[in-house]
């Protein structure tokens, strides 16, 4: 195996692990968000809809911030 091939394999492995880790985190956060919506927001909406919607908006804002923080800052630099 050439040095270039070995380096490409190592890079590919690192990229795959990073993508896998981010995907796993997003899946967990999405599941947590859905569980939160079902257990807290839905019942609250039935009683106090405006306050519950504000709480849901804050949670969605937090999720959007997380997604912004974890995305590639310069997609044009991808190999």
PDB file of N, CA and C in Angstrom:
ATOM      1  N   UNK A   1       0.858  -1.171   0.000  1.00  0.00           N
ATOM      2  CA  UNK A   1       0.000   0.000   0.000  1.00  0.00           C
ATOM      3  C   UNK A   1       0.901   1.230   0.000  1.00  0.00           C
ATOM      4  N   UNK A   2       0.608   2.162  -0.859  1.00  0.00           N
ATOM      5  CA  UNK A   2       1.417   3.369  -0.935  1.00  0.00           C
ATOM      6  C   UNK A   2       1.106   4.270   0.246  1.00  0.00           C
ATOM      7  N   UNK A   3       2.042   5.182   0.487  1.00  0.00           N
ATOM      8  CA  UNK A   3       1.873   6.132   1.581  1.00  0.00           C
ATOM      9  C   UNK A   3       0.618   6.980   1.356  1.00  0.00           C
ATOM     10  N   UNK A   4       0.390   7.363   0.108  1.00  0.00           N
ATOM     11  CA  UNK A   4      -0.792   8.164  -0.222  1.00  0.00           C
ATOM     12  C   UNK A   4      -2.071   7.393   0.084  1.00  0.00           C
ATOM     13  N   UNK A   5      -2.112   6.146  -0.299  1.00  0.00           N
ATOM     14  CA  UNK A   5      -3.297   5.314  -0.047  1.00  0.00           C
ATOM     15  C   UNK A   5      -3.547   5.158   1.441  1.00  0.00           C
ATOM     16  N   UNK A   6      -2.472   4.967   2.187  1.00  0.00           N
ATOM     17  CA  UNK A   6      -2.607   4.817   3.638  1.00  0.00           C
ATOM     18  C   UNK A   6      -3.164   6.098   4.254  1.00  0.00           C
ATOM     19  N   UNK A   7      -2.638   7.239   3.808  1.00  0.00           N
ATOM     20  CA  UNK A   7      -3.115   8.517   4.333  1.00  0.00           C
ATOM     21  C   UNK A   7      -4.575   8.753   3.957  1.00  0.00           C
ATOM     22  N   UNK A   8      -4.942   8.379   2.748  1.00  0.00           N
ATOM     23  CA  UNK A   8      -6.336   8.523   2.317  1.00  0.00           C
ATOM     24  C   UNK A   8      -7.249   7.633   3.156  1.00  0.00           C
ATOM     25  N   UNK A   9      -6.805   6.417   3.424  1.00  0.00           N
ATOM     26  CA  UNK A   9      -7.596   5.505   4.251  1.00  0.00           C
ATOM     27  C   UNK A   9      -7.768   6.064   5.666  1.00  0.00           C
ATOM     28  N   UNK A  10      -6.687   6.611   6.229  1.00  0.00           N
ATOM     29  CA  UNK A  10      -6.750   7.189   7.568  1.00  0.00           C
ATOM     30  C   UNK A  10      -7.693   8.395   7.587  1.00  0.00           C
ATOM     31  N   UNK A  11      -7.583   9.232   6.579  1.00  0.00           N
ATOM     32  CA  UNK A  11      -8.452  10.411   6.490  1.00  0.00           C
ATOM     33  C   UNK A  11      -9.903   9.982   6.336  1.00  0.00           C
ATOM     34  N   UNK A  12     -10.147   9.030   5.484  1.00  0.00           N
ATOM     35  CA  UNK A  12     -11.499   8.523   5.275  1.00  0.00           C
ATOM     36  C   UNK A  12     -12.070   7.956   6.570  1.00  0.00           C
ATOM     37  N   UNK A  13     -11.260   7.247   7.311  1.00  0.00           N
ATOM     38  CA  UNK A  13     -11.691   6.675   8.584  1.00  0.00           C
ATOM     39  C   UNK A  13     -12.048   7.774   9.574  1.00  0.00           C
ATOM     40  N   UNK A  14     -11.210   8.817   9.648  1.00  0.00           N
ATOM     41  CA  UNK A  14     -11.486   9.935  10.560  1.00  0.00           C
ATOM     42  C   UNK A  14     -12.770  10.665  10.163  1.00  0.00           C
ATOM     43  N   UNK A  15     -12.936  10.906   8.875  1.00  0.00           N
ATOM     44  CA  UNK A  15     -14.137  11.604   8.399  1.00  0.00           C
ATOM     45  C   UNK A  15     -15.375  10.766   8.688  1.00  0.00           C
ATOM     46  N   UNK A  16     -15.307   9.483   8.409  1.00  0.00           N
ATOM     47  CA  UNK A  16     -16.443   8.600   8.680  1.00  0.00           C
ATOM     48  C   UNK A  16     -16.801   8.587  10.157  1.00  0.00           C
ATOM     49  N   UNK A  17     -15.798   8.570  11.029  1.00  0.00           N
ATOM     50  CA  UNK A  17     -16.046   8.576  12.476  1.00  0.00           C
ATOM     51  C   UNK A  17     -16.690   9.889  12.899  1.00  0.00           C
ATOM     52  N   UNK A  18     -16.180  11.003  12.353  1.00  0.00           N
ATOM     53  CA  UNK A  18     -16.743  12.309  12.692  1.00  0.00           C
ATOM     54  C   UNK A  18     -18.193  12.400  12.249  1.00  0.00           C
ATOM     55  N   UNK A  19     -18.475  11.987  11.030  1.00  0.00           N
ATOM     56  CA  UNK A  19     -19.850  12.016  10.520  1.00  0.00           C
ATOM     57  C   UNK A  19     -20.736  11.101  11.364  1.00  0.00           C
ATOM     58  N   UNK A  20     -20.233   9.946  11.701  1.00  0.00           N
ATOM     59  CA  UNK A  20     -20.990   9.009  12.527  1.00  0.00           C
ATOM     60  C   UNK A  20     -21.287   9.605  13.901  1.00  0.00           C
ATOM     61  N   UNK A  21     -20.289  10.247  14.506  1.00  0.00           N
ATOM     62  CA  UNK A  21     -20.484  10.858  15.820  1.00  0.00           C
ATOM     63  C   UNK A  21     -21.519  11.975  15.766  1.00  0.00           C
ATOM     64  N   UNK A  22     -21.425  12.824  14.752  1.00  0.00           N
ATOM     65  CA  UNK A  22     -22.382  13.926  14.612  1.00  0.00           C
ATOM     66  C   UNK A  22     -23.780  13.385  14.350  1.00  0.00           C
ATOM     67  N   UNK A  23     -23.887  12.386  13.495  1.00  0.00           N
ATOM     68  CA  UNK A  23     -25.186  11.788  13.197  1.00  0.00           C
ATOM     69  C   UNK A  23     -25.800  11.185  14.459  1.00  0.00           C
ATOM     70  N   UNK A  24     -24.983  10.480  15.217  1.00  0.00           N
ATOM     71  CA  UNK A  24     -25.464   9.870  16.459  1.00  0.00           C
ATOM     72  C   UNK A  24     -25.955  10.945  17.428  1.00  0.00           C
ATOM     73  N   UNK A  25     -25.203  12.028  17.541  1.00  0.00           N
ATOM     74  CA  UNK A  25     -25.591  13.121  18.442  1.00  0.00           C
ATOM     75  C   UNK A  25     -26.894  13.770  17.978  1.00  0.00           C
ATOM     76  N   UNK A  26     -27.008  14.011  16.667  1.00  0.00           N
ATOM     77  CA  UNK A  26     -28.236  14.611  16.141  1.00  0.00           C
ATOM     78  C   UNK A  26     -29.440  13.699  16.350  1.00  0.00           C
ATOM     79  N   UNK A  27     -29.249  12.402  16.156  1.00  0.00           N
ATOM     80  CA  UNK A  27     -30.340  11.455  16.375  1.00  0.00           C
ATOM     81  C   UNK A  27     -30.778  11.460  17.838  1.00  0.00           C
ATOM     82  N   UNK A  28     -29.798  11.496  18.743  1.00  0.00           N
ATOM     83  CA  UNK A  28     -30.114  11.523  20.168  1.00  0.00           C
ATOM     84  C   UNK A  28     -30.819  12.823  20.526  1.00  0.00           C
ATOM     85  N   UNK A  29     -30.290  13.948  20.053  1.00  0.00           N
ATOM     86  CA  UNK A  29     -30.912  15.239  20.350  1.00  0.00           C
ATOM     87  C   UNK A  29     -32.316  15.329  19.760  1.00  0.00           C
ATOM     88  N   UNK A  30     -32.491  14.791  18.564  1.00  0.00           N
ATOM     89  CA  UNK A  30     -33.821  14.795  17.944  1.00  0.00           C
ATOM     90  C   UNK A  30     -34.795  13.946  18.759  1.00  0.00           C
ATOM     91  N   UNK A  31     -34.340  12.783  19.190  1.00  0.00           N
ATOM     92  CA  UNK A  31     -35.195  11.918  20.012  1.00  0.00           C
ATOM     93  C   UNK A  31     -35.536  12.602  21.332  1.00  0.00           C
ATOM     94  N   UNK A  32     -34.549  13.266  21.941  1.00  0.00           N
ATOM     95  CA  UNK A  32     -34.793  13.998  23.181  1.00  0.00           C
ATOM     96  C   UNK A  32     -35.799  15.126  22.960  1.00  0.00           C
ATOM     97  N   UNK A  33     -35.649  15.832  21.841  1.00  0.00           N
ATOM     98  CA  UNK A  33     -36.563  16.926  21.533  1.00  0.00           C
ATOM     99  C   UNK A  33     -37.988  16.407  21.337  1.00  0.00           C
ATOM    100  N   UNK A  34     -38.130  15.315  20.608  1.00  0.00           N
ATOM    101  CA  UNK A  34     -39.459  14.724  20.381  1.00  0.00           C
ATOM    102  C   UNK A  34     -40.070  14.259  21.701  1.00  0.00           C
ATOM    103  N   UNK A  35     -39.260  13.614  22.533  1.00  0.00           N
ATOM    104  CA  UNK A  35     -39.758  13.171  23.835  1.00  0.00           C
ATOM    105  C   UNK A  35     -40.177  14.365  24.687  1.00  0.00           C
ATOM    106  N   UNK A  36     -39.377  15.418  24.654  1.00  0.00           N
ATOM    107  CA  UNK A  36     -39.719  16.627  25.403  1.00  0.00           C
ATOM    108  C   UNK A  36     -41.032  17.232  24.890  1.00  0.00           C
ATOM    109  N   UNK A  37     -41.143  17.332  23.579  1.00  0.00           N
ATOM    110  CA  UNK A  37     -42.373  17.883  23.003  1.00  0.00           C
ATOM    111  C   UNK A  37     -43.592  17.072  23.427  1.00  0.00           C
ATOM    112  N   UNK A  38     -43.457  15.741  23.369  1.00  0.00           N
ATOM    113  CA  UNK A  38     -44.585  14.871  23.711  1.00  0.00           C
ATOM    114  C   UNK A  38     -44.928  14.899  25.198  1.00  0.00           C
ATOM    115  N   UNK A  39     -43.916  14.978  26.054  1.00  0.00           N
ATOM    116  CA  UNK A  39     -44.184  14.899  27.492  1.00  0.00           C
ATOM    117  C   UNK A  39     -44.472  16.249  28.134  1.00  0.00           C
ATOM    118  N   UNK A  40     -43.904  17.309  27.596  1.00  0.00           N
ATOM    119  CA  UNK A  40     -44.061  18.615  28.228  1.00  0.00           C
ATOM    120  C   UNK A  40     -44.889  19.601  27.405  1.00  0.00           C
ATOM    121  N   UNK A  41     -44.600  19.690  26.144  1.00  0.00           N
ATOM    122  CA  UNK A  41     -45.208  20.739  25.333  1.00  0.00           C
ATOM    123  C   UNK A  41     -46.660  20.427  24.996  1.00  0.00           C
ATOM    124  N   UNK A  42     -46.913  19.230  24.531  1.00  0.00           N
ATOM    125  CA  UNK A  42     -48.285  18.898  24.115  1.00  0.00           C
ATOM    126  C   UNK A  42     -49.282  19.088  25.257  1.00  0.00           C
ATOM    127  N   UNK A  43     -49.028  18.537  26.443  1.00  0.00           N
ATOM    128  CA  UNK A  43     -49.987  18.769  27.532  1.00  0.00           C
ATOM    129  C   UNK A  43     -50.116  20.250  27.897  1.00  0.00           C
ATOM    130  N   UNK A  44     -48.992  20.955  27.881  1.00  0.00           N
ATOM    131  CA  UNK A  44     -49.033  22.371  28.235  1.00  0.00           C
ATOM    132  C   UNK A  44     -49.796  23.188  27.203  1.00  0.00           C
ATOM    133  N   UNK A  45     -49.671  22.810  25.936  1.00  0.00           N
ATOM    134  CA  UNK A  45     -50.388  23.522  24.877  1.00  0.00           C
ATOM    135  C   UNK A  45     -51.887  23.418  25.113  1.00  0.00           C
ATOM    136  N   UNK A  46     -52.288  22.285  25.585  1.00  0.00           N
ATOM    137  CA  UNK A  46     -53.718  22.101  25.847  1.00  0.00           C
ATOM    138  C   UNK A  46     -54.206  23.041  26.949  1.00  0.00           C
ATOM    139  N   UNK A  47     -53.300  23.410  27.855  1.00  0.00           N
ATOM    140  CA  UNK A  47     -53.695  24.296  28.959  1.00  0.00           C
ATOM    141  C   UNK A  47     -53.304  25.750  28.698  1.00  0.00           C
ATOM    142  N   UNK A  48     -52.057  25.943  28.342  1.00  0.00           N
ATOM    143  CA  UNK A  48     -51.556  27.308  28.184  1.00  0.00           C
ATOM    144  C   UNK A  48     -50.736  27.385  26.907  1.00  0.00           C
ATOM    145  N   UNK A  49     -51.400  27.511  25.805  1.00  0.00           N
ATOM    146  CA  UNK A  49     -50.733  27.388  24.509  1.00  0.00           C
ATOM    147  C   UNK A  49     -49.638  28.413  24.266  1.00  0.00           C
ATOM    148  N   UNK A  50     -49.814  29.651  24.600  1.00  0.00           N
ATOM    149  CA  UNK A  50     -48.792  30.650  24.260  1.00  0.00           C
ATOM    150  C   UNK A  50     -47.493  30.416  25.031  1.00  0.00           C
ATOM    151  N   UNK A  51     -47.585  30.087  26.314  1.00  0.00           N
ATOM    152  CA  UNK A  51     -46.371  29.837  27.097  1.00  0.00           C
ATOM    153  C   UNK A  51     -45.659  28.576  26.582  1.00  0.00           C
ATOM    154  N   UNK A  52     -46.401  27.534  26.291  1.00  0.00           N
ATOM    155  CA  UNK A  52     -45.817  26.289  25.802  1.00  0.00           C
ATOM    156  C   UNK A  52     -45.123  26.504  24.463  1.00  0.00           C
ATOM    157  N   UNK A  53     -45.711  27.305  23.599  1.00  0.00           N
ATOM    158  CA  UNK A  53     -45.079  27.575  22.304  1.00  0.00           C
ATOM    159  C   UNK A  53     -43.772  28.337  22.475  1.00  0.00           C
ATOM    160  N   UNK A  54     -43.717  29.234  23.450  1.00  0.00           N
ATOM    161  CA  UNK A  54     -42.459  29.944  23.720  1.00  0.00           C
ATOM    162  C   UNK A  54     -41.372  28.981  24.202  1.00  0.00           C
ATOM    163  N   UNK A  55     -41.748  28.032  25.034  1.00  0.00           N
ATOM    164  CA  UNK A  55     -40.785  27.028  25.513  1.00  0.00           C
ATOM    165  C   UNK A  55     -40.308  26.174  24.338  1.00  0.00           C
ATOM    166  N   UNK A  56     -41.227  25.749  23.495  1.00  0.00           N
ATOM    167  CA  UNK A  56     -40.851  24.945  22.327  1.00  0.00           C
ATOM    168  C   UNK A  56     -39.938  25.745  21.406  1.00  0.00           C
ATOM    169  N   UNK A  57     -40.234  27.023  21.225  1.00  0.00           N
ATOM    170  CA  UNK A  57     -39.396  27.866  20.369  1.00  0.00           C
ATOM    171  C   UNK A  57     -37.983  27.969  20.932  1.00  0.00           C
ATOM    172  N   UNK A  58     -37.853  28.086  22.233  1.00  0.00           N
ATOM    173  CA  UNK A  58     -36.524  28.151  22.855  1.00  0.00           C
ATOM    174  C   UNK A  58     -35.760  26.847  22.634  1.00  0.00           C
ATOM    175  N   UNK A  59     -36.428  25.714  22.789  1.00  0.00           N
ATOM    176  CA  UNK A  59     -35.781  24.422  22.556  1.00  0.00           C
ATOM    177  C   UNK A  59     -35.348  24.277  21.093  1.00  0.00           C
ATOM    178  N   UNK A  60     -36.191  24.695  20.189  1.00  0.00           N
ATOM    179  CA  UNK A  60     -35.838  24.645  18.768  1.00  0.00           C
ATOM    180  C   UNK A  60     -34.677  25.592  18.477  1.00  0.00           C
ATOM    181  N   UNK A  61     -34.662  26.737  19.148  1.00  0.00           N
ATOM    182  CA  UNK A  61     -33.556  27.689  19.003  1.00  0.00           C
ATOM    183  C   UNK A  61     -32.249  27.045  19.469  1.00  0.00           C
ATOM    184  N   UNK A  62     -32.299  26.344  20.594  1.00  0.00           N
ATOM    185  CA  UNK A  62     -31.120  25.654  21.103  1.00  0.00           C
ATOM    186  C   UNK A  62     -30.642  24.582  20.112  1.00  0.00           C
ATOM    187  N   UNK A  63     -31.576  23.837  19.533  1.00  0.00           N
ATOM    188  CA  UNK A  63     -31.217  22.818  18.551  1.00  0.00           C
ATOM    189  C   UNK A  63     -30.591  23.463  17.319  1.00  0.00           C
ATOM    190  N   UNK A  64     -31.150  24.566  16.860  1.00  0.00           N
ATOM    191  CA  UNK A  64     -30.586  25.277  15.704  1.00  0.00           C
ATOM    192  C   UNK A  64     -29.176  25.777  16.016  1.00  0.00           C
ATOM    193  N   UNK A  65     -28.963  26.293  17.212  1.00  0.00           N
ATOM    194  CA  UNK A  65     -27.620  26.737  17.605  1.00  0.00           C
ATOM    195  C   UNK A  65     -26.643  25.571  17.585  1.00  0.00           C
ATOM    196  N   UNK A  66     -27.061  24.425  18.112  1.00  0.00           N
ATOM    197  CA  UNK A  66     -26.192  23.248  18.111  1.00  0.00           C
ATOM    198  C   UNK A  66     -25.834  22.843  16.686  1.00  0.00           C
ATOM    199  N   UNK A  67     -26.824  22.845  15.810  1.00  0.00           N
ATOM    200  CA  UNK A  67     -26.573  22.459  14.423  1.00  0.00           C
ATOM    201  C   UNK A  67     -25.620  23.448  13.749  1.00  0.00           C
ATOM    202  N   UNK A  68     -25.766  24.744  14.043  1.00  0.00           N
ATOM    203  CA  UNK A  68     -24.860  25.749  13.480  1.00  0.00           C
ATOM    204  C   UNK A  68     -23.444  25.562  13.999  1.00  0.00           C
ATOM    205  N   UNK A  69     -23.311  25.229  15.273  1.00  0.00           N
ATOM    206  CA  UNK A  69     -21.987  25.054  15.882  1.00  0.00           C
ATOM    207  C   UNK A  69     -21.250  23.842  15.321  1.00  0.00           C
ATOM    208  N   UNK A  70     -21.994  22.822  14.908  1.00  0.00           N
ATOM    209  CA  UNK A  70     -21.343  21.588  14.477  1.00  0.00           C
ATOM    210  C   UNK A  70     -21.173  21.480  12.965  1.00  0.00           C
ATOM    211  N   UNK A  71     -21.718  22.416  12.210  1.00  0.00           N
ATOM    212  CA  UNK A  71     -21.561  22.314  10.767  1.00  0.00           C
ATOM    213  C   UNK A  71     -20.195  22.808  10.337  1.00  0.00           C
ATOM    214  N   UNK A  72     -19.747  22.340   9.176  1.00  0.00           N
ATOM    215  CA  UNK A  72     -18.452  22.712   8.624  1.00  0.00           C
ATOM    216  C   UNK A  72     -18.457  24.198   8.332  1.00  0.00           C
ATOM    217  N   UNK A  73     -17.476  24.963   8.874  1.00  0.00           N
ATOM    218  CA  UNK A  73     -17.484  26.398   8.681  1.00  0.00           C
ATOM    219  C   UNK A  73     -17.267  26.830   7.229  1.00  0.00           C
ATOM    220  N   UNK A  74     -16.573  26.020   6.447  1.00  0.00           N
ATOM    221  CA  UNK A  74     -16.314  26.378   5.046  1.00  0.00           C
ATOM    222  C   UNK A  74     -16.473  25.136   4.173  1.00  0.00           C
ATOM    223  N   UNK A  75     -17.699  24.857   3.719  1.00  0.00           N
ATOM    224  CA  UNK A  75     -17.931  23.661   2.913  1.00  0.00           C
ATOM    225  C   UNK A  75     -17.140  23.650   1.601  1.00  0.00           C
ATOM    226  N   UNK A  76     -16.669  24.800   1.139  1.00  0.00           N
ATOM    227  CA  UNK A  76     -15.910  24.851  -0.102  1.00  0.00           C
ATOM    228  C   UNK A  76     -14.539  24.197   0.035  1.00  0.00           C
ATOM    229  N   UNK A  77     -14.067  24.023   1.244  1.00  0.00           N
ATOM    230  CA  UNK A  77     -12.743  23.434   1.475  1.00  0.00           C
ATOM    231  C   UNK A  77     -12.757  21.906   1.510  1.00  0.00           C
ATOM    232  N   UNK A  78     -13.911  21.303   1.289  1.00  0.00           N
ATOM    233  CA  UNK A  78     -13.990  19.830   1.322  1.00  0.00           C
ATOM    234  C   UNK A  78     -13.161  19.257   0.181  1.00  0.00           C
ATOM    235  N   UNK A  79     -12.443  18.149   0.466  1.00  0.00           N
ATOM    236  CA  UNK A  79     -11.589  17.552  -0.577  1.00  0.00           C
ATOM    237  C   UNK A  79     -12.390  16.960  -1.712  1.00  0.00           C
TER     238      UNK A  79
END
